[in-house]
PDB file of N, CA and C in Angstrom:
ATOM      1  N   MET A   1       0.829  -1.182   0.000  1.00  0.00           N
ATOM      2  CA  MET A   1       0.000   0.000   0.000  1.00  0.00           C
ATOM      3  C   MET A   1       0.876   1.248   0.000  1.00  0.00           C
ATOM      4  N   ILE A   2       0.499   2.206  -0.786  1.00  0.00           N
ATOM      5  CA  ILE A   2       1.178   3.496  -0.828  1.00  0.00           C
ATOM      6  C   ILE A   2       0.129   4.547  -0.494  1.00  0.00           C
ATOM      7  N   SER A   3       0.268   5.155   0.661  1.00  0.00           N
ATOM      8  CA  SER A   3      -0.690   6.159   1.090  1.00  0.00           C
ATOM      9  C   SER A   3      -0.250   6.688   2.437  1.00  0.00           C
ATOM     10  N   ASN A   4      -1.138   7.423   3.108  1.00  0.00           N
ATOM     11  CA  ASN A   4      -0.788   7.850   4.454  1.00  0.00           C
ATOM     12  C   ASN A   4      -0.972   6.685   5.424  1.00  0.00           C
ATOM     13  N   LEU A   5      -0.479   6.834   6.608  1.00  0.00           N
ATOM     14  CA  LEU A   5      -0.446   5.722   7.566  1.00  0.00           C
ATOM     15  C   LEU A   5      -1.838   5.218   7.920  1.00  0.00           C
ATOM     16  N   VAL A   6      -2.805   6.114   8.078  1.00  0.00           N
ATOM     17  CA  VAL A   6      -4.162   5.693   8.441  1.00  0.00           C
ATOM     18  C   VAL A   6      -4.757   4.806   7.356  1.00  0.00           C
ATOM     19  N   ASN A   7      -4.580   5.179   6.088  1.00  0.00           N
ATOM     20  CA  ASN A   7      -5.123   4.360   5.000  1.00  0.00           C
ATOM     21  C   ASN A   7      -4.420   3.008   4.907  1.00  0.00           C
ATOM     22  N   ILE A   8      -3.127   2.986   5.147  1.00  0.00           N
ATOM     23  CA  ILE A   8      -2.381   1.719   5.092  1.00  0.00           C
ATOM     24  C   ILE A   8      -2.847   0.779   6.195  1.00  0.00           C
ATOM     25  N   VAL A   9      -2.950   1.300   7.397  1.00  0.00           N
ATOM     26  CA  VAL A   9      -3.385   0.467   8.529  1.00  0.00           C
ATOM     27  C   VAL A   9      -4.820  -0.003   8.316  1.00  0.00           C
ATOM     28  N   SER A  10      -5.685   0.886   7.851  1.00  0.00           N
ATOM     29  CA  SER A  10      -7.084   0.508   7.613  1.00  0.00           C
ATOM     30  C   SER A  10      -7.203  -0.557   6.526  1.00  0.00           C
ATOM     31  N   ALA A  11      -6.471  -0.378   5.435  1.00  0.00           N
ATOM     32  CA  ALA A  11      -6.525  -1.357   4.348  1.00  0.00           C
ATOM     33  C   ALA A  11      -6.006  -2.709   4.805  1.00  0.00           C
ATOM     34  N   ASN A  12      -4.929  -2.710   5.588  1.00  0.00           N
ATOM     35  CA  ASN A  12      -4.404  -3.974   6.100  1.00  0.00           C
ATOM     36  C   ASN A  12      -5.365  -4.613   7.093  1.00  0.00           C
ATOM     37  N   PHE A  13      -5.987  -3.820   7.951  1.00  0.00           N
ATOM     38  CA  PHE A  13      -6.910  -4.360   8.950  1.00  0.00           C
ATOM     39  C   PHE A  13      -8.111  -5.015   8.294  1.00  0.00           C
ATOM     40  N   PHE A  14      -8.633  -4.400   7.243  1.00  0.00           N
ATOM     41  CA  PHE A  14      -9.813  -4.931   6.561  1.00  0.00           C
ATOM     42  C   PHE A  14      -9.462  -5.856   5.400  1.00  0.00           C
ATOM     43  N   ASP A  15      -8.187  -6.214   5.260  1.00  0.00           N
ATOM     44  CA  ASP A  15      -7.720  -7.129   4.204  1.00  0.00           C
ATOM     45  C   ASP A  15      -8.139  -6.667   2.807  1.00  0.00           C
ATOM     46  N   ILE A  16      -7.935  -5.391   2.533  1.00  0.00           N
ATOM     47  CA  ILE A  16      -8.252  -4.843   1.220  1.00  0.00           C
ATOM     48  C   ILE A  16      -7.008  -4.977   0.343  1.00  0.00           C
ATOM     49  N   PRO A  17      -7.096  -5.714  -0.772  1.00  0.00           N
ATOM     50  CA  PRO A  17      -5.929  -5.851  -1.652  1.00  0.00           C
ATOM     51  C   PRO A  17      -5.612  -4.527  -2.352  1.00  0.00           C
ATOM     52  N   PHE A  18      -4.370  -4.422  -2.807  1.00  0.00           N
ATOM     53  CA  PHE A  18      -3.911  -3.165  -3.411  1.00  0.00           C
ATOM     54  C   PHE A  18      -4.713  -2.795  -4.647  1.00  0.00           C
ATOM     55  N   ASP A  19      -5.039  -3.757  -5.512  1.00  0.00           N
ATOM     56  CA  ASP A  19      -5.758  -3.420  -6.745  1.00  0.00           C
ATOM     57  C   ASP A  19      -7.147  -2.857  -6.457  1.00  0.00           C
ATOM     58  N   ARG A  20      -7.812  -3.382  -5.445  1.00  0.00           N
ATOM     59  CA  ARG A  20      -9.125  -2.839  -5.080  1.00  0.00           C
ATOM     60  C   ARG A  20      -8.978  -1.448  -4.472  1.00  0.00           C
ATOM     61  N   TYR A  21      -7.980  -1.291  -3.619  1.00  0.00           N
ATOM     62  CA  TYR A  21      -7.715   0.009  -3.001  1.00  0.00           C
ATOM     63  C   TYR A  21      -7.401   1.058  -4.078  1.00  0.00           C
ATOM     64  N   ALA A  22      -6.546   0.698  -5.035  1.00  0.00           N
ATOM     65  CA  ALA A  22      -6.178   1.623  -6.096  1.00  0.00           C
ATOM     66  C   ALA A  22      -7.378   1.940  -6.994  1.00  0.00           C
ATOM     67  N   ALA A  23      -8.206   0.936  -7.274  1.00  0.00           N
ATOM     68  CA  ALA A  23      -9.378   1.162  -8.122  1.00  0.00           C
ATOM     69  C   ALA A  23     -10.330   2.168  -7.488  1.00  0.00           C
ATOM     70  N   ILE A  24     -10.365   2.209  -6.169  1.00  0.00           N
ATOM     71  CA  ILE A  24     -11.226   3.164  -5.473  1.00  0.00           C
ATOM     72  C   ILE A  24     -10.542   4.520  -5.346  1.00  0.00           C
ATOM     73  N   MET A  25      -9.254   4.518  -5.040  1.00  0.00           N
ATOM     74  CA  MET A  25      -8.571   5.774  -4.724  1.00  0.00           C
ATOM     75  C   MET A  25      -8.117   6.567  -5.951  1.00  0.00           C
ATOM     76  N   VAL A  26      -7.837   5.929  -7.062  1.00  0.00           N
ATOM     77  CA  VAL A  26      -7.388   6.671  -8.255  1.00  0.00           C
ATOM     78  C   VAL A  26      -8.460   7.653  -8.730  1.00  0.00           C
ATOM     79  N   PRO A  27      -9.721   7.241  -8.879  1.00  0.00           N
ATOM     80  CA  PRO A  27     -10.728   8.237  -9.264  1.00  0.00           C
ATOM     81  C   PRO A  27     -10.906   9.346  -8.219  1.00  0.00           C
ATOM     82  N   VAL A  28     -10.803   8.996  -6.948  1.00  0.00           N
ATOM     83  CA  VAL A  28     -10.915  10.003  -5.888  1.00  0.00           C
ATOM     84  C   VAL A  28      -9.764  10.999  -5.992  1.00  0.00           C
ATOM     85  N   ASP A  29      -8.550  10.510  -6.202  1.00  0.00           N
ATOM     86  CA  ASP A  29      -7.389  11.389  -6.354  1.00  0.00           C
ATOM     87  C   ASP A  29      -7.533  12.282  -7.593  1.00  0.00           C
ATOM     88  N   LEU A  30      -8.006  11.728  -8.689  1.00  0.00           N
ATOM     89  CA  LEU A  30      -8.197  12.529  -9.907  1.00  0.00           C
ATOM     90  C   LEU A  30      -9.257  13.607  -9.698  1.00  0.00           C
ATOM     91  N   ALA A  31     -10.340  13.270  -8.976  1.00  0.00           N
ATOM     92  CA  ALA A  31     -11.375  14.263  -8.686  1.00  0.00           C
ATOM     93  C   ALA A  31     -10.819  15.365  -7.789  1.00  0.00           C
ATOM     94  N   ALA A  32     -10.025  15.003  -6.796  1.00  0.00           N
ATOM     95  CA  ALA A  32      -9.419  16.005  -5.913  1.00  0.00           C
ATOM     96  C   ALA A  32      -8.459  16.897  -6.685  1.00  0.00           C
ATOM     97  N   LEU A  33      -7.670  16.318  -7.574  1.00  0.00           N
ATOM     98  CA  LEU A  33      -6.754  17.099  -8.396  1.00  0.00           C
ATOM     99  C   LEU A  33      -7.526  18.052  -9.306  1.00  0.00           C
ATOM    100  N   GLY A  34      -8.577  17.554  -9.933  1.00  0.00           N
ATOM    101  CA  GLY A  34      -9.397  18.397 -10.803  1.00  0.00           C
ATOM    102  C   GLY A  34     -10.054  19.543 -10.043  1.00  0.00           C
ATOM    103  N   ALA A  35     -10.576  19.261  -8.853  1.00  0.00           N
ATOM    104  CA  ALA A  35     -11.202  20.311  -8.037  1.00  0.00           C
ATOM    105  C   ALA A  35     -10.168  21.350  -7.611  1.00  0.00           C
ATOM    106  N   THR A  36      -8.980  20.901  -7.234  1.00  0.00           N
ATOM    107  CA  THR A  36      -7.920  21.829  -6.832  1.00  0.00           C
ATOM    108  C   THR A  36      -7.523  22.729  -7.984  1.00  0.00           C
ATOM    109  N   LEU A  37      -7.309  22.149  -9.168  1.00  0.00           N
ATOM    110  CA  LEU A  37      -6.936  22.949 -10.333  1.00  0.00           C
ATOM    111  C   LEU A  37      -8.042  23.920 -10.728  1.00  0.00           C
ATOM    112  N   ALA A  38      -9.293  23.493 -10.624  1.00  0.00           N
ATOM    113  CA  ALA A  38     -10.411  24.370 -10.971  1.00  0.00           C
ATOM    114  C   ALA A  38     -10.490  25.564 -10.020  1.00  0.00           C
ATOM    115  N   VAL A  39     -10.351  25.320  -8.730  1.00  0.00           N
ATOM    116  CA  VAL A  39     -10.408  26.415  -7.754  1.00  0.00           C
ATOM    117  C   VAL A  39      -9.235  27.367  -7.953  1.00  0.00           C
ATOM    118  N   LEU A  40      -8.037  26.828  -8.166  1.00  0.00           N
ATOM    119  CA  LEU A  40      -6.875  27.690  -8.407  1.00  0.00           C
ATOM    120  C   LEU A  40      -7.049  28.510  -9.679  1.00  0.00           C
ATOM    121  N   TRP A  41      -7.571  27.906 -10.723  1.00  0.00           N
ATOM    122  CA  TRP A  41      -7.792  28.635 -11.970  1.00  0.00           C
ATOM    123  C   TRP A  41      -8.824  29.735 -11.778  1.00  0.00           C
ATOM    124  N   LEU A  42      -9.928  29.445 -11.076  1.00  0.00           N
ATOM    125  CA  LEU A  42     -10.940  30.462 -10.834  1.00  0.00           C
ATOM    126  C   LEU A  42     -10.401  31.615 -10.005  1.00  0.00           C
ATOM    127  N   TYR A  43      -9.574  31.326  -9.035  1.00  0.00           N
ATOM    128  CA  TYR A  43      -9.045  32.351  -8.147  1.00  0.00           C
ATOM    129  C   TYR A  43      -7.973  33.205  -8.816  1.00  0.00           C
ATOM    130  N   TYR A  44      -7.086  32.583  -9.605  1.00  0.00           N
ATOM    131  CA  TYR A  44      -5.942  33.289 -10.179  1.00  0.00           C
ATOM    132  C   TYR A  44      -6.068  33.586 -11.667  1.00  0.00           C
ATOM    133  N   ARG A  45      -7.202  33.355 -12.276  1.00  0.00           N
ATOM    134  CA  ARG A  45      -7.309  33.461 -13.733  1.00  0.00           C
ATOM    135  C   ARG A  45      -6.977  34.845 -14.265  1.00  0.00           C
ATOM    136  N   ARG A  46      -7.236  35.896 -13.509  1.00  0.00           N
ATOM    137  CA  ARG A  46      -6.938  37.248 -13.993  1.00  0.00           C
ATOM    138  C   ARG A  46      -5.473  37.620 -13.802  1.00  0.00           C
ATOM    139  N   GLN A  47      -4.775  36.919 -12.924  1.00  0.00           N
ATOM    140  CA  GLN A  47      -3.384  37.251 -12.636  1.00  0.00           C
ATOM    141  C   GLN A  47      -2.391  36.481 -13.506  1.00  0.00           C
ATOM    142  N   VAL A  48      -2.812  35.372 -14.058  1.00  0.00           N
ATOM    143  CA  VAL A  48      -1.918  34.551 -14.874  1.00  0.00           C
ATOM    144  C   VAL A  48      -1.980  35.044 -16.316  1.00  0.00           C
ATOM    145  N   PRO A  49      -0.845  35.457 -16.884  1.00  0.00           N
ATOM    146  CA  PRO A  49      -0.865  35.950 -18.265  1.00  0.00           C
ATOM    147  C   PRO A  49      -1.103  34.820 -19.260  1.00  0.00           C
ATOM    148  N   GLN A  50      -1.721  35.175 -20.375  1.00  0.00           N
ATOM    149  CA  GLN A  50      -1.961  34.185 -21.430  1.00  0.00           C
ATOM    150  C   GLN A  50      -0.657  33.755 -22.088  1.00  0.00           C
ATOM    151  N   THR A  51       0.266  34.700 -22.268  1.00  0.00           N
ATOM    152  CA  THR A  51       1.580  34.404 -22.832  1.00  0.00           C
ATOM    153  C   THR A  51       2.624  35.172 -22.023  1.00  0.00           C
ATOM    154  N   TYR A  52       3.868  34.763 -22.157  1.00  0.00           N
ATOM    155  CA  TYR A  52       4.972  35.456 -21.497  1.00  0.00           C
ATOM    156  C   TYR A  52       6.194  35.346 -22.398  1.00  0.00           C
ATOM    157  N   PRO A  53       7.086  36.344 -22.320  1.00  0.00           N
ATOM    158  CA  PRO A  53       8.273  36.312 -23.180  1.00  0.00           C
ATOM    159  C   PRO A  53       9.276  35.267 -22.694  1.00  0.00           C
ATOM    160  N   VAL A  54       9.477  34.263 -23.489  1.00  0.00           N
ATOM    161  CA  VAL A  54      10.381  33.176 -23.135  1.00  0.00           C
ATOM    162  C   VAL A  54      11.822  33.665 -23.049  1.00  0.00           C
ATOM    163  N   SER A  55      12.142  34.697 -23.784  1.00  0.00           N
ATOM    164  CA  SER A  55      13.520  35.202 -23.782  1.00  0.00           C
ATOM    165  C   SER A  55      13.917  35.784 -22.427  1.00  0.00           C
ATOM    166  N   GLU A  56      12.959  36.151 -21.603  1.00  0.00           N
ATOM    167  CA  GLU A  56      13.268  36.716 -20.286  1.00  0.00           C
ATOM    168  C   GLU A  56      13.501  35.651 -19.221  1.00  0.00           C
ATOM    169  N   LEU A  57      13.232  34.393 -19.530  1.00  0.00           N
ATOM    170  CA  LEU A  57      13.458  33.319 -18.569  1.00  0.00           C
ATOM    171  C   LEU A  57      14.946  33.020 -18.458  1.00  0.00           C
ATOM    172  N   LEU A  58      15.378  32.641 -17.259  1.00  0.00           N
ATOM    173  CA  LEU A  58      16.770  32.234 -17.088  1.00  0.00           C
ATOM    174  C   LEU A  58      17.008  30.910 -17.788  1.00  0.00           C
ATOM    175  N   HIS A  59      18.165  30.774 -18.389  1.00  0.00           N
ATOM    176  CA  HIS A  59      18.527  29.500 -19.004  1.00  0.00           C
ATOM    177  C   HIS A  59      18.769  28.489 -17.881  1.00  0.00           C
ATOM    178  N   LEU A  60      18.480  27.225 -18.138  1.00  0.00           N
ATOM    179  CA  LEU A  60      18.646  26.196 -17.110  1.00  0.00           C
ATOM    180  C   LEU A  60      20.067  26.140 -16.569  1.00  0.00           C
ATOM    181  N   SER A  61      21.048  26.422 -17.397  1.00  0.00           N
ATOM    182  CA  SER A  61      22.428  26.379 -16.923  1.00  0.00           C
ATOM    183  C   SER A  61      22.690  27.471 -15.882  1.00  0.00           C
ATOM    184  N   ARG A  62      21.925  28.572 -15.916  1.00  0.00           N
ATOM    185  CA  ARG A  62      22.084  29.617 -14.914  1.00  0.00           C
ATOM    186  C   ARG A  62      21.461  29.208 -13.582  1.00  0.00           C
ATOM    187  N   LEU A  63      20.515  28.278 -13.602  1.00  0.00           N
ATOM    188  CA  LEU A  63      19.892  27.822 -12.366  1.00  0.00           C
ATOM    189  C   LEU A  63      20.709  26.736 -11.676  1.00  0.00           C
ATOM    190  N   PHE A  64      21.619  26.128 -12.402  1.00  0.00           N
ATOM    191  CA  PHE A  64      22.369  24.992 -11.884  1.00  0.00           C
ATOM    192  C   PHE A  64      23.539  25.460 -11.026  1.00  0.00           C
ATOM    193  N   VAL A  65      23.621  24.945  -9.821  1.00  0.00           N
ATOM    194  CA  VAL A  65      24.711  25.304  -8.917  1.00  0.00           C
ATOM    195  C   VAL A  65      25.819  24.275  -9.112  1.00  0.00           C
ATOM    196  N   THR A  66      26.864  24.663  -9.825  1.00  0.00           N
ATOM    197  CA  THR A  66      27.898  23.701 -10.199  1.00  0.00           C
ATOM    198  C   THR A  66      28.790  23.321  -9.028  1.00  0.00           C
ATOM    199  N   ASP A  67      28.928  24.166  -8.019  1.00  0.00           N
ATOM    200  CA  ASP A  67      29.819  23.815  -6.920  1.00  0.00           C
ATOM    201  C   ASP A  67      29.191  22.819  -5.955  1.00  0.00           C
ATOM    202  N   MET A  68      27.882  22.604  -6.010  1.00  0.00           N
ATOM    203  CA  MET A  68      27.216  21.688  -5.088  1.00  0.00           C
ATOM    204  C   MET A  68      26.702  20.417  -5.750  1.00  0.00           C
ATOM    205  N   CYS A  69      26.414  20.495  -7.025  1.00  0.00           N
ATOM    206  CA  CYS A  69      25.758  19.362  -7.680  1.00  0.00           C
ATOM    207  C   CYS A  69      26.434  19.054  -9.012  1.00  0.00           C
ATOM    208  N   SER A  70      26.475  17.802  -9.350  1.00  0.00           N
ATOM    209  CA  SER A  70      27.004  17.438 -10.660  1.00  0.00           C
ATOM    210  C   SER A  70      25.867  17.450 -11.676  1.00  0.00           C
ATOM    211  N   ALA A  71      26.193  17.360 -12.931  1.00  0.00           N
ATOM    212  CA  ALA A  71      25.179  17.408 -13.986  1.00  0.00           C
ATOM    213  C   ALA A  71      24.204  16.243 -13.875  1.00  0.00           C
ATOM    214  N   ARG A  72      24.635  15.107 -13.375  1.00  0.00           N
ATOM    215  CA  ARG A  72      23.733  13.946 -13.238  1.00  0.00           C
ATOM    216  C   ARG A  72      22.684  14.168 -12.160  1.00  0.00           C
ATOM    217  N   LEU A  73      23.019  14.929 -11.155  1.00  0.00           N
ATOM    218  CA  LEU A  73      22.078  15.190 -10.064  1.00  0.00           C
ATOM    219  C   LEU A  73      21.182  16.386 -10.350  1.00  0.00           C
ATOM    220  N   PHE A  74      21.402  17.065 -11.442  1.00  0.00           N
ATOM    221  CA  PHE A  74      20.687  18.294 -11.767  1.00  0.00           C
ATOM    222  C   PHE A  74      19.173  18.119 -11.715  1.00  0.00           C
ATOM    223  N   ARG A  75      18.686  17.035 -12.262  1.00  0.00           N
ATOM    224  CA  ARG A  75      17.246  16.816 -12.298  1.00  0.00           C
ATOM    225  C   ARG A  75      16.711  16.086 -11.069  1.00  0.00           C
ATOM    226  N   CYS A  76      17.582  15.608 -10.199  1.00  0.00           N
ATOM    227  CA  CYS A  76      17.135  14.783  -9.082  1.00  0.00           C
ATOM    228  C   CYS A  76      16.954  15.540  -7.773  1.00  0.00           C
ATOM    229  N   TRP A  77      17.777  16.512  -7.516  1.00  0.00           N
ATOM    230  CA  TRP A  77      17.797  17.128  -6.191  1.00  0.00           C
ATOM    231  C   TRP A  77      17.216  18.533  -6.245  1.00  0.00           C
ATOM    232  N   PRO A  78      16.151  18.793  -5.477  1.00  0.00           N
ATOM    233  CA  PRO A  78      15.500  20.096  -5.539  1.00  0.00           C
ATOM    234  C   PRO A  78      16.371  21.239  -5.044  1.00  0.00           C
ATOM    235  N   TRP A  79      17.334  20.987  -4.165  1.00  0.00           N
ATOM    236  CA  TRP A  79      18.156  22.089  -3.674  1.00  0.00           C
ATOM    237  C   TRP A  79      19.179  22.551  -4.711  1.00  0.00           C
ATOM    238  N   CYS A  80      19.267  21.907  -5.840  1.00  0.00           N
ATOM    239  CA  CYS A  80      20.122  22.370  -6.922  1.00  0.00           C
ATOM    240  C   CYS A  80      19.462  23.513  -7.692  1.00  0.00           C
ATOM    241  N   TRP A  81      18.178  23.690  -7.530  1.00  0.00           N
ATOM    242  CA  TRP A  81      17.441  24.701  -8.300  1.00  0.00           C
ATOM    243  C   TRP A  81      17.436  26.026  -7.564  1.00  0.00           C
ATOM    244  N   ARG A  82      18.603  26.614  -7.430  1.00  0.00           N
ATOM    245  CA  ARG A  82      18.718  27.953  -6.840  1.00  0.00           C
ATOM    246  C   ARG A  82      19.270  28.885  -7.896  1.00  0.00           C
ATOM    247  N   PRO A  83      18.706  30.103  -8.008  1.00  0.00           N
ATOM    248  CA  PRO A  83      19.282  31.048  -8.971  1.00  0.00           C
ATOM    249  C   PRO A  83      20.696  31.451  -8.566  1.00  0.00           C
ATOM    250  N   ILE A  84      21.560  31.571  -9.551  1.00  0.00           N
ATOM    251  CA  ILE A  84      22.938  32.020  -9.314  1.00  0.00           C
ATOM    252  C   ILE A  84      22.951  33.527  -9.498  1.00  0.00           C
ATOM    253  N   SER A  85      23.416  34.227  -8.499  1.00  0.00           N
ATOM    254  CA  SER A  85      23.448  35.690  -8.630  1.00  0.00           C
ATOM    255  C   SER A  85      24.809  36.186  -9.032  1.00  0.00           C
TER     256      SER A  85
END
């Protein structure tokens, strides 16, 4: 089981197999994700621009901290994503 501790303990206590648990929880998770995105879109729709100039974005190499992370870890570790000033 992959979930929070209460769901894992409950599923184990009631002998619910993973496939049945997933069949129930995947639609619930998708509905929660959809509701979250809908509320965020309704709340922020006027603040989010339709387009933005891509040329003003920092290049990925400028975000990479070379003294702390190697190129292989670039995509794996979130603390590598710090702007270099």
